[in-house]
């Protein structure tokens, strides 16, 4: 008697061999209707899945993916590479394999997050850099694959998060500027659609009575142009300090102030503590994020989610670093907020 194979089940159901295999290997994205159809066909044909093959398949299915959105590695801005390097280093200590995917809005419209994960048999996912308007961000709100999001506010209890407490850090920086005597503080934000931008702006607004917010798309050049145009249209006489939501924008403002001969008149603070922050003149007062710890916890928390079904939401400690661009106290400030 001819042995019944998985191909026979595929012919009977009209499904592909890979779809039949996914049913027998208990993949979570298969519909109940398909499972019922395959199970019934296998029973009628007398087909029994090979247990050794199933075990081998499950052993292979230990892959963690890192997805970074709209990577922009500008001079002195290595944050995407820090996350990539940190995730790789921490996964090297485990039995999990690693894949990396750089995406953008166009790619996300061509292939869903679920499709990406299914094609590569992804066990768990670390994702960073999404805007709230991105298809992947919206998909994460109903996503059920083990996932940790870096610097994202996802309205889904099944998605873990790890980040700096952006709201608290921005609030603290604004307060320190105010206490140092800078009473009229303007906030230069990136965009309205990035969750980190929303969180940092919220912290600033909480700390001031009269908020003044402008946007420069997290761009050094756009921040420089904005400052020059602001000087023409509004004049900086009533502004004591500018707090930018990224170091790159703060550096753009400093560049404009050198052109306008205002670098000694108005304090400038940033956020991130990129490499250039300590080398620009004047050196930049900023919020330092610990990207090493963020990457480490992203990996640890994802593995915990995969193996123990425990979903964690955590803040990683930050530091406020005082340099020449904005004097906060007479001594160097190193204020920590512990997670």
C-alpha atoms as a PDB file:
ATOM      1  CA  UNK A   1       0.000   0.000   0.000  1.00  0.00           C
ATOM      2  CA  UNK A   2       1.350   3.427  -0.984  1.00  0.00           C
ATOM      3  CA  UNK A   3       2.414   5.605   1.933  1.00  0.00           C
ATOM      4  CA  UNK A   4       0.302   8.719   2.373  1.00  0.00           C
ATOM      5  CA  UNK A   5       2.429  11.866   2.306  1.00  0.00           C
ATOM      6  CA  UNK A   6       1.914  15.537   3.064  1.00  0.00           C
ATOM      7  CA  UNK A   7       1.600  16.101  -0.696  1.00  0.00           C
ATOM      8  CA  UNK A   8      -1.522  13.940  -0.708  1.00  0.00           C
ATOM      9  CA  UNK A   9      -3.065  16.117   2.004  1.00  0.00           C
ATOM     10  CA  UNK A  10      -2.170  19.199  -0.015  1.00  0.00           C
ATOM     11  CA  UNK A  11      -3.850  17.781  -3.146  1.00  0.00           C
ATOM     12  CA  UNK A  12      -6.994  16.844  -1.248  1.00  0.00           C
ATOM     13  CA  UNK A  13      -7.373  20.254   0.416  1.00  0.00           C
ATOM     14  CA  UNK A  14      -6.154  22.392  -2.477  1.00  0.00           C
ATOM     15  CA  UNK A  15      -3.601  24.021  -0.196  1.00  0.00           C
ATOM     16  CA  UNK A  16       0.164  24.247  -0.595  1.00  0.00           C
ATOM     17  CA  UNK A  17       2.541  21.818   1.126  1.00  0.00           C
ATOM     18  CA  UNK A  18       3.963  24.697   3.142  1.00  0.00           C
ATOM     19  CA  UNK A  19       0.476  25.619   4.396  1.00  0.00           C
ATOM     20  CA  UNK A  20      -0.155  22.011   5.449  1.00  0.00           C
ATOM     21  CA  UNK A  21       3.225  21.963   7.208  1.00  0.00           C
ATOM     22  CA  UNK A  22       2.380  25.157   9.073  1.00  0.00           C
ATOM     23  CA  UNK A  23      -0.834  23.582  10.391  1.00  0.00           C
ATOM     24  CA  UNK A  24       0.977  20.510  11.689  1.00  0.00           C
ATOM     25  CA  UNK A  25       3.720  22.632  13.254  1.00  0.00           C
ATOM     26  CA  UNK A  26       1.168  24.738  15.153  1.00  0.00           C
ATOM     27  CA  UNK A  27       1.887  28.137  13.660  1.00  0.00           C
ATOM     28  CA  UNK A  28      -0.275  30.797  15.260  1.00  0.00           C
ATOM     29  CA  UNK A  29      -1.354  32.594  12.069  1.00  0.00           C
ATOM     30  CA  UNK A  30      -3.462  29.725  10.629  1.00  0.00           C
ATOM     31  CA  UNK A  31      -7.241  30.150  10.685  1.00  0.00           C
ATOM     32  CA  UNK A  32      -9.462  27.712  12.564  1.00  0.00           C
ATOM     33  CA  UNK A  33     -11.248  26.863   9.303  1.00  0.00           C
ATOM     34  CA  UNK A  34      -7.961  25.882   7.619  1.00  0.00           C
ATOM     35  CA  UNK A  35      -6.878  23.796  10.609  1.00  0.00           C
ATOM     36  CA  UNK A  36     -10.202  21.943  10.565  1.00  0.00           C
ATOM     37  CA  UNK A  37      -9.977  21.356   6.813  1.00  0.00           C
ATOM     38  CA  UNK A  38      -6.425  19.978   6.999  1.00  0.00           C
ATOM     39  CA  UNK A  39      -7.077  17.853  10.077  1.00  0.00           C
ATOM     40  CA  UNK A  40     -10.159  16.257   8.482  1.00  0.00           C
ATOM     41  CA  UNK A  41      -8.332  15.536   5.216  1.00  0.00           C
ATOM     42  CA  UNK A  42      -5.393  13.964   7.079  1.00  0.00           C
ATOM     43  CA  UNK A  43      -7.776  11.747   9.053  1.00  0.00           C
ATOM     44  CA  UNK A  44      -9.628  10.602   5.935  1.00  0.00           C
ATOM     45  CA  UNK A  45      -6.356   9.804   4.160  1.00  0.00           C
ATOM     46  CA  UNK A  46      -4.803   8.215   7.206  1.00  0.00           C
ATOM     47  CA  UNK A  47      -1.902  10.656   7.215  1.00  0.00           C
ATOM     48  CA  UNK A  48       0.174  11.079  10.392  1.00  0.00           C
ATOM     49  CA  UNK A  49       2.730  13.924  10.602  1.00  0.00           C
ATOM     50  CA  UNK A  50       6.326  12.827  11.106  1.00  0.00           C
ATOM     51  CA  UNK A  51       7.078  13.630  14.761  1.00  0.00           C
ATOM     52  CA  UNK A  52      10.829  13.820  14.120  1.00  0.00           C
ATOM     53  CA  UNK A  53      10.291  16.355  11.364  1.00  0.00           C
ATOM     54  CA  UNK A  54       8.016  18.385  13.616  1.00  0.00           C
ATOM     55  CA  UNK A  55      10.630  18.369  16.354  1.00  0.00           C
ATOM     56  CA  UNK A  56      13.329  19.435  13.895  1.00  0.00           C
ATOM     57  CA  UNK A  57      11.100  22.239  12.619  1.00  0.00           C
ATOM     58  CA  UNK A  58      10.480  23.530  16.115  1.00  0.00           C
ATOM     59  CA  UNK A  59      14.216  23.542  16.837  1.00  0.00           C
ATOM     60  CA  UNK A  60      14.841  25.674  13.777  1.00  0.00           C
ATOM     61  CA  UNK A  61      12.134  28.089  14.760  1.00  0.00           C
ATOM     62  CA  UNK A  62      14.243  30.176  17.166  1.00  0.00           C
ATOM     63  CA  UNK A  63      14.831  33.331  15.178  1.00  0.00           C
ATOM     64  CA  UNK A  64      14.725  36.898  16.483  1.00  0.00           C
ATOM     65  CA  UNK A  65      14.356  39.742  14.009  1.00  0.00           C
ATOM     66  CA  UNK A  66      15.344  43.373  14.443  1.00  0.00           C
ATOM     67  CA  UNK A  67      13.412  45.866  12.320  1.00  0.00           C
ATOM     68  CA  UNK A  68      14.648  49.457  12.117  1.00  0.00           C
ATOM     69  CA  UNK A  69      12.525  52.034  10.317  1.00  0.00           C
ATOM     70  CA  UNK A  70      13.948  54.779   8.093  1.00  0.00           C
ATOM     71  CA  UNK A  71      17.596  54.376   9.110  1.00  0.00           C
ATOM     72  CA  UNK A  72      19.486  57.644   8.796  1.00  0.00           C
ATOM     73  CA  UNK A  73      23.116  57.236   9.827  1.00  0.00           C
ATOM     74  CA  UNK A  74      24.315  60.839   9.693  1.00  0.00           C
ATOM     75  CA  UNK A  75      27.802  61.892  10.777  1.00  0.00           C
ATOM     76  CA  UNK A  76      28.091  61.513  14.523  1.00  0.00           C
ATOM     77  CA  UNK A  77      24.631  59.907  14.771  1.00  0.00           C
ATOM     78  CA  UNK A  78      25.156  56.201  15.360  1.00  0.00           C
ATOM     79  CA  UNK A  79      21.969  55.340  17.279  1.00  0.00           C
ATOM     80  CA  UNK A  80      20.637  52.815  14.707  1.00  0.00           C
ATOM     81  CA  UNK A  81      24.042  51.137  14.620  1.00  0.00           C
ATOM     82  CA  UNK A  82      24.225  51.144  18.436  1.00  0.00           C
ATOM     83  CA  UNK A  83      20.878  49.329  18.599  1.00  0.00           C
ATOM     84  CA  UNK A  84      21.918  46.862  15.888  1.00  0.00           C
ATOM     85  CA  UNK A  85      25.279  46.191  17.539  1.00  0.00           C
ATOM     86  CA  UNK A  86      23.725  45.888  20.993  1.00  0.00           C
ATOM     87  CA  UNK A  87      21.070  43.413  19.849  1.00  0.00           C
ATOM     88  CA  UNK A  88      23.630  41.281  17.971  1.00  0.00           C
ATOM     89  CA  UNK A  89      26.033  41.244  20.944  1.00  0.00           C
ATOM     90  CA  UNK A  90      23.325  40.182  23.375  1.00  0.00           C
ATOM     91  CA  UNK A  91      21.871  37.523  21.059  1.00  0.00           C
ATOM     92  CA  UNK A  92      25.344  36.017  20.614  1.00  0.00           C
ATOM     93  CA  UNK A  93      25.052  34.849  24.215  1.00  0.00           C
ATOM     94  CA  UNK A  94      21.869  32.860  23.426  1.00  0.00           C
ATOM     95  CA  UNK A  95      20.727  30.010  21.166  1.00  0.00           C
ATOM     96  CA  UNK A  96      18.617  32.342  19.045  1.00  0.00           C
ATOM     97  CA  UNK A  97      19.477  33.161  15.463  1.00  0.00           C
ATOM     98  CA  UNK A  98      19.235  36.734  14.152  1.00  0.00           C
ATOM     99  CA  UNK A  99      17.867  38.492  11.087  1.00  0.00           C
ATOM    100  CA  UNK A 100      17.832  42.213  10.345  1.00  0.00           C
ATOM    101  CA  UNK A 101      15.398  44.189   8.225  1.00  0.00           C
ATOM    102  CA  UNK A 102      15.585  47.873   7.340  1.00  0.00           C
ATOM    103  CA  UNK A 103      12.189  49.219   6.377  1.00  0.00           C
ATOM    104  CA  UNK A 104      10.315  52.395   5.455  1.00  0.00           C
ATOM    105  CA  UNK A 105       6.712  53.366   4.756  1.00  0.00           C
ATOM    106  CA  UNK A 106       6.899  52.278   1.117  1.00  0.00           C
ATOM    107  CA  UNK A 107       8.178  48.793   2.029  1.00  0.00           C
ATOM    108  CA  UNK A 108       5.575  48.470   4.770  1.00  0.00           C
ATOM    109  CA  UNK A 109       2.795  49.069   2.262  1.00  0.00           C
ATOM    110  CA  UNK A 110       4.217  46.342   0.034  1.00  0.00           C
ATOM    111  CA  UNK A 111       4.624  43.674   2.716  1.00  0.00           C
ATOM    112  CA  UNK A 112       2.859  43.452   6.065  1.00  0.00           C
ATOM    113  CA  UNK A 113       4.693  42.816   9.309  1.00  0.00           C
ATOM    114  CA  UNK A 114       2.898  39.490   9.661  1.00  0.00           C
ATOM    115  CA  UNK A 115       3.954  38.473   6.150  1.00  0.00           C
ATOM    116  CA  UNK A 116       7.583  39.385   6.881  1.00  0.00           C
ATOM    117  CA  UNK A 117       7.566  37.285  10.059  1.00  0.00           C
ATOM    118  CA  UNK A 118       5.806  34.323   8.410  1.00  0.00           C
ATOM    119  CA  UNK A 119       8.209  34.197   5.486  1.00  0.00           C
ATOM    120  CA  UNK A 120      11.207  33.998   7.816  1.00  0.00           C
ATOM    121  CA  UNK A 121       9.642  31.862  10.563  1.00  0.00           C
ATOM    122  CA  UNK A 122      10.316  34.620  13.091  1.00  0.00           C
ATOM    123  CA  UNK A 123      10.005  33.604  16.742  1.00  0.00           C
ATOM    124  CA  UNK A 124      10.210  37.115  18.194  1.00  0.00           C
ATOM    125  CA  UNK A 125      10.608  40.693  17.058  1.00  0.00           C
ATOM    126  CA  UNK A 126      12.433  43.858  18.199  1.00  0.00           C
ATOM    127  CA  UNK A 127      11.309  47.006  16.388  1.00  0.00           C
ATOM    128  CA  UNK A 128      12.326  50.675  16.543  1.00  0.00           C
ATOM    129  CA  UNK A 129      11.844  53.976  14.743  1.00  0.00           C
ATOM    130  CA  UNK A 130       8.218  53.746  13.636  1.00  0.00           C
ATOM    131  CA  UNK A 131       5.966  56.771  13.293  1.00  0.00           C
ATOM    132  CA  UNK A 132       2.337  56.516  14.342  1.00  0.00           C
ATOM    133  CA  UNK A 133       1.311  56.884  10.686  1.00  0.00           C
ATOM    134  CA  UNK A 134       3.381  53.865   9.580  1.00  0.00           C
ATOM    135  CA  UNK A 135       1.527  50.662   8.567  1.00  0.00           C
ATOM    136  CA  UNK A 136       3.698  48.564  10.912  1.00  0.00           C
ATOM    137  CA  UNK A 137       2.856  50.809  13.865  1.00  0.00           C
ATOM    138  CA  UNK A 138      -0.841  50.350  13.216  1.00  0.00           C
ATOM    139  CA  UNK A 139      -0.389  46.601  12.727  1.00  0.00           C
ATOM    140  CA  UNK A 140       1.383  46.311  16.089  1.00  0.00           C
ATOM    141  CA  UNK A 141      -1.802  47.412  17.840  1.00  0.00           C
ATOM    142  CA  UNK A 142      -3.300  43.972  17.108  1.00  0.00           C
ATOM    143  CA  UNK A 143      -0.063  41.958  16.796  1.00  0.00           C
ATOM    144  CA  UNK A 144       0.306  38.749  18.814  1.00  0.00           C
ATOM    145  CA  UNK A 145       3.815  37.527  17.943  1.00  0.00           C
ATOM    146  CA  UNK A 146       6.293  38.080  20.823  1.00  0.00           C
ATOM    147  CA  UNK A 147       7.512  41.654  20.309  1.00  0.00           C
ATOM    148  CA  UNK A 148       9.475  44.350  22.132  1.00  0.00           C
ATOM    149  CA  UNK A 149       9.207  47.904  20.808  1.00  0.00           C
ATOM    150  CA  UNK A 150      12.003  50.409  21.466  1.00  0.00           C
ATOM    151  CA  UNK A 151      10.898  54.006  22.097  1.00  0.00           C
ATOM    152  CA  UNK A 152       7.335  53.312  20.949  1.00  0.00           C
ATOM    153  CA  UNK A 153       4.026  53.679  22.754  1.00  0.00           C
ATOM    154  CA  UNK A 154       1.978  50.738  21.463  1.00  0.00           C
ATOM    155  CA  UNK A 155      -1.608  50.334  22.645  1.00  0.00           C
ATOM    156  CA  UNK A 156      -1.342  46.558  22.838  1.00  0.00           C
ATOM    157  CA  UNK A 157      -0.765  44.635  26.070  1.00  0.00           C
ATOM    158  CA  UNK A 158       0.923  41.838  24.104  1.00  0.00           C
ATOM    159  CA  UNK A 159       3.757  44.108  22.944  1.00  0.00           C
ATOM    160  CA  UNK A 160       6.579  44.806  25.409  1.00  0.00           C
ATOM    161  CA  UNK A 161       8.334  48.178  25.493  1.00  0.00           C
ATOM    162  CA  UNK A 162      11.732  49.499  26.557  1.00  0.00           C
ATOM    163  CA  UNK A 163      12.878  53.097  26.350  1.00  0.00           C
ATOM    164  CA  UNK A 164      14.124  56.175  28.117  1.00  0.00           C
ATOM    165  CA  UNK A 165      11.337  57.929  30.019  1.00  0.00           C
ATOM    166  CA  UNK A 166      11.251  60.657  27.383  1.00  0.00           C
ATOM    167  CA  UNK A 167       8.520  62.668  29.083  1.00  0.00           C
ATOM    168  CA  UNK A 168      10.250  62.713  32.463  1.00  0.00           C
ATOM    169  CA  UNK A 169      13.655  63.479  30.962  1.00  0.00           C
ATOM    170  CA  UNK A 170      12.288  66.416  28.928  1.00  0.00           C
ATOM    171  CA  UNK A 171      10.400  67.690  31.973  1.00  0.00           C
ATOM    172  CA  UNK A 172      13.546  67.513  34.102  1.00  0.00           C
ATOM    173  CA  UNK A 173      15.722  69.245  31.513  1.00  0.00           C
ATOM    174  CA  UNK A 174      13.159  72.046  31.131  1.00  0.00           C
ATOM    175  CA  UNK A 175      12.916  72.461  34.900  1.00  0.00           C
ATOM    176  CA  UNK A 176      16.700  72.650  35.258  1.00  0.00           C
ATOM    177  CA  UNK A 177      16.860  75.293  32.542  1.00  0.00           C
ATOM    178  CA  UNK A 178      14.142  77.270  34.318  1.00  0.00           C
ATOM    179  CA  UNK A 179      15.846  77.016  37.722  1.00  0.00           C
ATOM    180  CA  UNK A 180      19.115  78.148  36.142  1.00  0.00           C
ATOM    181  CA  UNK A 181      17.397  81.386  35.118  1.00  0.00           C
ATOM    182  CA  UNK A 182      16.257  80.642  31.581  1.00  0.00           C
ATOM    183  CA  UNK A 183      12.611  81.655  31.932  1.00  0.00           C
ATOM    184  CA  UNK A 184      11.552  81.878  28.294  1.00  0.00           C
ATOM    185  CA  UNK A 185      12.273  78.427  26.870  1.00  0.00           C
ATOM    186  CA  UNK A 186      11.353  77.496  23.306  1.00  0.00           C
ATOM    187  CA  UNK A 187      11.002  73.827  22.339  1.00  0.00           C
ATOM    188  CA  UNK A 188      12.163  72.709  18.901  1.00  0.00           C
ATOM    189  CA  UNK A 189      10.585  69.339  18.145  1.00  0.00           C
ATOM    190  CA  UNK A 190      11.103  66.838  15.332  1.00  0.00           C
ATOM    191  CA  UNK A 191       7.695  65.829  13.990  1.00  0.00           C
ATOM    192  CA  UNK A 192       4.160  65.388  15.261  1.00  0.00           C
ATOM    193  CA  UNK A 193       4.033  61.707  14.272  1.00  0.00           C
ATOM    194  CA  UNK A 194       6.982  60.221  16.211  1.00  0.00           C
ATOM    195  CA  UNK A 195       6.062  58.882  19.644  1.00  0.00           C
ATOM    196  CA  UNK A 196       9.390  60.035  21.135  1.00  0.00           C
ATOM    197  CA  UNK A 197       8.669  63.535  19.829  1.00  0.00           C
ATOM    198  CA  UNK A 198       5.207  63.500  21.399  1.00  0.00           C
ATOM    199  CA  UNK A 199       6.587  62.285  24.733  1.00  0.00           C
ATOM    200  CA  UNK A 200       9.391  64.859  24.853  1.00  0.00           C
ATOM    201  CA  UNK A 201       7.047  67.675  23.925  1.00  0.00           C
ATOM    202  CA  UNK A 202       4.635  66.556  26.651  1.00  0.00           C
ATOM    203  CA  UNK A 203       7.421  66.756  29.244  1.00  0.00           C
ATOM    204  CA  UNK A 204       8.383  70.250  28.102  1.00  0.00           C
ATOM    205  CA  UNK A 205       4.775  71.471  28.128  1.00  0.00           C
ATOM    206  CA  UNK A 206       4.291  70.126  31.649  1.00  0.00           C
ATOM    207  CA  UNK A 207       7.236  72.205  32.890  1.00  0.00           C
ATOM    208  CA  UNK A 208       6.329  75.595  31.354  1.00  0.00           C
ATOM    209  CA  UNK A 209       3.403  77.998  31.613  1.00  0.00           C
ATOM    210  CA  UNK A 210       3.632  79.383  28.091  1.00  0.00           C
ATOM    211  CA  UNK A 211       4.703  76.705  25.628  1.00  0.00           C
ATOM    212  CA  UNK A 212       6.387  77.716  22.382  1.00  0.00           C
ATOM    213  CA  UNK A 213       6.816  74.746  20.050  1.00  0.00           C
ATOM    214  CA  UNK A 214       8.237  74.568  16.535  1.00  0.00           C
ATOM    215  CA  UNK A 215       9.266  71.645  14.302  1.00  0.00           C
ATOM    216  CA  UNK A 216      12.389  70.848  12.265  1.00  0.00           C
ATOM    217  CA  UNK A 217      11.965  67.172  11.301  1.00  0.00           C
ATOM    218  CA  UNK A 218      14.919  65.997  13.446  1.00  0.00           C
ATOM    219  CA  UNK A 219      17.191  67.579  10.833  1.00  0.00           C
ATOM    220  CA  UNK A 220      20.330  69.637  11.449  1.00  0.00           C
ATOM    221  CA  UNK A 221      19.862  71.602   8.220  1.00  0.00           C
ATOM    222  CA  UNK A 222      16.169  72.266   8.815  1.00  0.00           C
ATOM    223  CA  UNK A 223      16.868  73.388  12.385  1.00  0.00           C
ATOM    224  CA  UNK A 224      19.552  75.778  11.129  1.00  0.00           C
ATOM    225  CA  UNK A 225      17.207  77.233   8.498  1.00  0.00           C
ATOM    226  CA  UNK A 226      14.392  77.496  11.048  1.00  0.00           C
ATOM    227  CA  UNK A 227      16.595  79.479  13.473  1.00  0.00           C
ATOM    228  CA  UNK A 228      17.688  81.905  10.765  1.00  0.00           C
ATOM    229  CA  UNK A 229      14.088  82.427   9.611  1.00  0.00           C
ATOM    230  CA  UNK A 230      12.873  82.819  13.205  1.00  0.00           C
ATOM    231  CA  UNK A 231      15.482  85.518  13.775  1.00  0.00           C
ATOM    232  CA  UNK A 232      14.192  87.388  10.719  1.00  0.00           C
ATOM    233  CA  UNK A 233      10.490  87.030  11.547  1.00  0.00           C
ATOM    234  CA  UNK A 234      10.317  87.100  15.349  1.00  0.00           C
ATOM    235  CA  UNK A 235      13.708  88.029  16.780  1.00  0.00           C
ATOM    236  CA  UNK A 236      15.239  85.988  19.611  1.00  0.00           C
ATOM    237  CA  UNK A 237      15.300  88.884  22.098  1.00  0.00           C
ATOM    238  CA  UNK A 238      12.521  87.333  24.187  1.00  0.00           C
ATOM    239  CA  UNK A 239      13.967  83.794  24.157  1.00  0.00           C
ATOM    240  CA  UNK A 240      16.400  82.689  26.872  1.00  0.00           C
ATOM    241  CA  UNK A 241      16.896  79.079  25.837  1.00  0.00           C
ATOM    242  CA  UNK A 242      16.061  76.580  23.108  1.00  0.00           C
ATOM    243  CA  UNK A 243      15.518  72.966  24.070  1.00  0.00           C
ATOM    244  CA  UNK A 244      15.670  70.727  20.986  1.00  0.00           C
ATOM    245  CA  UNK A 245      14.160  67.228  20.936  1.00  0.00           C
ATOM    246  CA  UNK A 246      17.355  65.864  19.357  1.00  0.00           C
ATOM    247  CA  UNK A 247      21.044  66.751  19.461  1.00  0.00           C
ATOM    248  CA  UNK A 248      21.156  67.022  15.694  1.00  0.00           C
ATOM    249  CA  UNK A 249      18.567  69.826  15.724  1.00  0.00           C
ATOM    250  CA  UNK A 250      20.340  71.494  18.657  1.00  0.00           C
ATOM    251  CA  UNK A 251      23.579  71.457  16.645  1.00  0.00           C
ATOM    252  CA  UNK A 252      21.719  73.009  13.721  1.00  0.00           C
ATOM    253  CA  UNK A 253      20.541  75.822  16.021  1.00  0.00           C
ATOM    254  CA  UNK A 254      24.085  76.374  17.317  1.00  0.00           C
ATOM    255  CA  UNK A 255      25.302  76.560  13.714  1.00  0.00           C
ATOM    256  CA  UNK A 256      22.683  79.241  12.971  1.00  0.00           C
ATOM    257  CA  UNK A 257      23.562  81.149  16.139  1.00  0.00           C
ATOM    258  CA  UNK A 258      27.197  81.326  15.037  1.00  0.00           C
ATOM    259  CA  UNK A 259      26.004  82.890  11.778  1.00  0.00           C
ATOM    260  CA  UNK A 260      23.707  85.251  13.687  1.00  0.00           C
ATOM    261  CA  UNK A 261      26.282  85.946  16.418  1.00  0.00           C
ATOM    262  CA  UNK A 262      23.864  84.725  19.088  1.00  0.00           C
ATOM    263  CA  UNK A 263      25.725  81.727  20.527  1.00  0.00           C
ATOM    264  CA  UNK A 264      26.601  83.636  23.707  1.00  0.00           C
ATOM    265  CA  UNK A 265      23.107  85.070  24.193  1.00  0.00           C
ATOM    266  CA  UNK A 266      20.801  82.032  24.117  1.00  0.00           C
ATOM    267  CA  UNK A 267      21.251  78.684  25.830  1.00  0.00           C
ATOM    268  CA  UNK A 268      20.787  75.513  23.768  1.00  0.00           C
ATOM    269  CA  UNK A 269      20.036  72.011  25.047  1.00  0.00           C
ATOM    270  CA  UNK A 270      19.523  68.766  23.171  1.00  0.00           C
ATOM    271  CA  UNK A 271      18.467  65.156  23.638  1.00  0.00           C
ATOM    272  CA  UNK A 272      20.363  61.873  22.952  1.00  0.00           C
ATOM    273  CA  UNK A 273      24.053  62.731  23.595  1.00  0.00           C
ATOM    274  CA  UNK A 274      25.316  61.709  20.173  1.00  0.00           C
ATOM    275  CA  UNK A 275      29.074  61.661  19.538  1.00  0.00           C
ATOM    276  CA  UNK A 276      29.102  65.195  18.113  1.00  0.00           C
ATOM    277  CA  UNK A 277      27.488  66.656  21.239  1.00  0.00           C
ATOM    278  CA  UNK A 278      30.790  66.834  23.107  1.00  0.00           C
ATOM    279  CA  UNK A 279      32.782  68.105  20.117  1.00  0.00           C
ATOM    280  CA  UNK A 280      30.579  70.898  18.770  1.00  0.00           C
ATOM    281  CA  UNK A 281      31.452  74.458  19.877  1.00  0.00           C
ATOM    282  CA  UNK A 282      30.015  75.270  22.347  1.00  0.00           C
ATOM    283  CA  UNK A 283      29.746  71.688  23.588  1.00  0.00           C
ATOM    284  CA  UNK A 284      26.138  70.620  24.010  1.00  0.00           C
ATOM    285  CA  UNK A 285      24.140  70.247  27.219  1.00  0.00           C
ATOM    286  CA  UNK A 286      21.894  67.258  26.626  1.00  0.00           C
ATOM    287  CA  UNK A 287      20.011  64.183  27.853  1.00  0.00           C
ATOM    288  CA  UNK A 288      22.133  61.052  27.523  1.00  0.00           C
ATOM    289  CA  UNK A 289      20.299  57.861  26.572  1.00  0.00           C
ATOM    290  CA  UNK A 290      21.889  54.509  27.435  1.00  0.00           C
ATOM    291  CA  UNK A 291      21.407  52.690  24.134  1.00  0.00           C
ATOM    292  CA  UNK A 292      23.536  49.780  25.336  1.00  0.00           C
ATOM    293  CA  UNK A 293      21.143  49.065  28.196  1.00  0.00           C
ATOM    294  CA  UNK A 294      18.100  49.649  26.001  1.00  0.00           C
ATOM    295  CA  UNK A 295      19.374  47.026  23.519  1.00  0.00           C
ATOM    296  CA  UNK A 296      20.286  44.617  26.324  1.00  0.00           C
ATOM    297  CA  UNK A 297      16.841  44.813  27.937  1.00  0.00           C
ATOM    298  CA  UNK A 298      15.094  44.570  24.564  1.00  0.00           C
ATOM    299  CA  UNK A 299      16.764  41.187  23.983  1.00  0.00           C
ATOM    300  CA  UNK A 300      16.294  39.927  27.554  1.00  0.00           C
ATOM    301  CA  UNK A 301      12.660  41.002  27.722  1.00  0.00           C
ATOM    302  CA  UNK A 302      11.845  39.469  24.335  1.00  0.00           C
ATOM    303  CA  UNK A 303      13.358  36.106  25.287  1.00  0.00           C
ATOM    304  CA  UNK A 304      11.438  36.263  28.579  1.00  0.00           C
ATOM    305  CA  UNK A 305       8.284  36.921  26.591  1.00  0.00           C
ATOM    306  CA  UNK A 306       8.971  33.992  24.229  1.00  0.00           C
ATOM    307  CA  UNK A 307       9.926  31.474  26.906  1.00  0.00           C
ATOM    308  CA  UNK A 308       7.827  32.533  29.901  1.00  0.00           C
ATOM    309  CA  UNK A 309       5.025  34.553  28.291  1.00  0.00           C
ATOM    310  CA  UNK A 310       5.931  37.522  30.531  1.00  0.00           C
ATOM    311  CA  UNK A 311       5.498  40.927  28.914  1.00  0.00           C
ATOM    312  CA  UNK A 312       7.505  43.801  30.388  1.00  0.00           C
ATOM    313  CA  UNK A 313       7.380  47.575  30.040  1.00  0.00           C
ATOM    314  CA  UNK A 314      10.453  49.326  31.370  1.00  0.00           C
ATOM    315  CA  UNK A 315      12.323  52.621  31.404  1.00  0.00           C
ATOM    316  CA  UNK A 316      16.123  52.607  31.245  1.00  0.00           C
ATOM    317  CA  UNK A 317      18.056  55.202  33.325  1.00  0.00           C
ATOM    318  CA  UNK A 318      19.144  58.414  31.625  1.00  0.00           C
ATOM    319  CA  UNK A 319      21.583  61.194  32.534  1.00  0.00           C
ATOM    320  CA  UNK A 320      21.418  64.942  32.070  1.00  0.00           C
ATOM    321  CA  UNK A 321      24.838  66.147  30.985  1.00  0.00           C
ATOM    322  CA  UNK A 322      25.772  69.792  31.459  1.00  0.00           C
ATOM    323  CA  UNK A 323      28.217  71.326  28.996  1.00  0.00           C
ATOM    324  CA  UNK A 324      28.945  74.793  27.640  1.00  0.00           C
ATOM    325  CA  UNK A 325      25.787  75.472  25.584  1.00  0.00           C
ATOM    326  CA  UNK A 326      23.539  75.747  28.665  1.00  0.00           C
ATOM    327  CA  UNK A 327      24.784  76.144  32.228  1.00  0.00           C
ATOM    328  CA  UNK A 328      22.391  74.410  34.610  1.00  0.00           C
ATOM    329  CA  UNK A 329      24.364  74.672  37.876  1.00  0.00           C
ATOM    330  CA  UNK A 330      27.787  75.790  39.023  1.00  0.00           C
ATOM    331  CA  UNK A 331      28.897  72.138  38.979  1.00  0.00           C
ATOM    332  CA  UNK A 332      28.479  69.459  36.357  1.00  0.00           C
ATOM    333  CA  UNK A 333      24.984  67.995  36.512  1.00  0.00           C
ATOM    334  CA  UNK A 334      24.576  64.236  36.424  1.00  0.00           C
ATOM    335  CA  UNK A 335      20.988  63.620  37.406  1.00  0.00           C
ATOM    336  CA  UNK A 336      19.740  60.035  37.175  1.00  0.00           C
ATOM    337  CA  UNK A 337      16.266  58.599  37.043  1.00  0.00           C
ATOM    338  CA  UNK A 338      16.338  54.930  37.920  1.00  0.00           C
ATOM    339  CA  UNK A 339      14.017  52.502  36.157  1.00  0.00           C
END
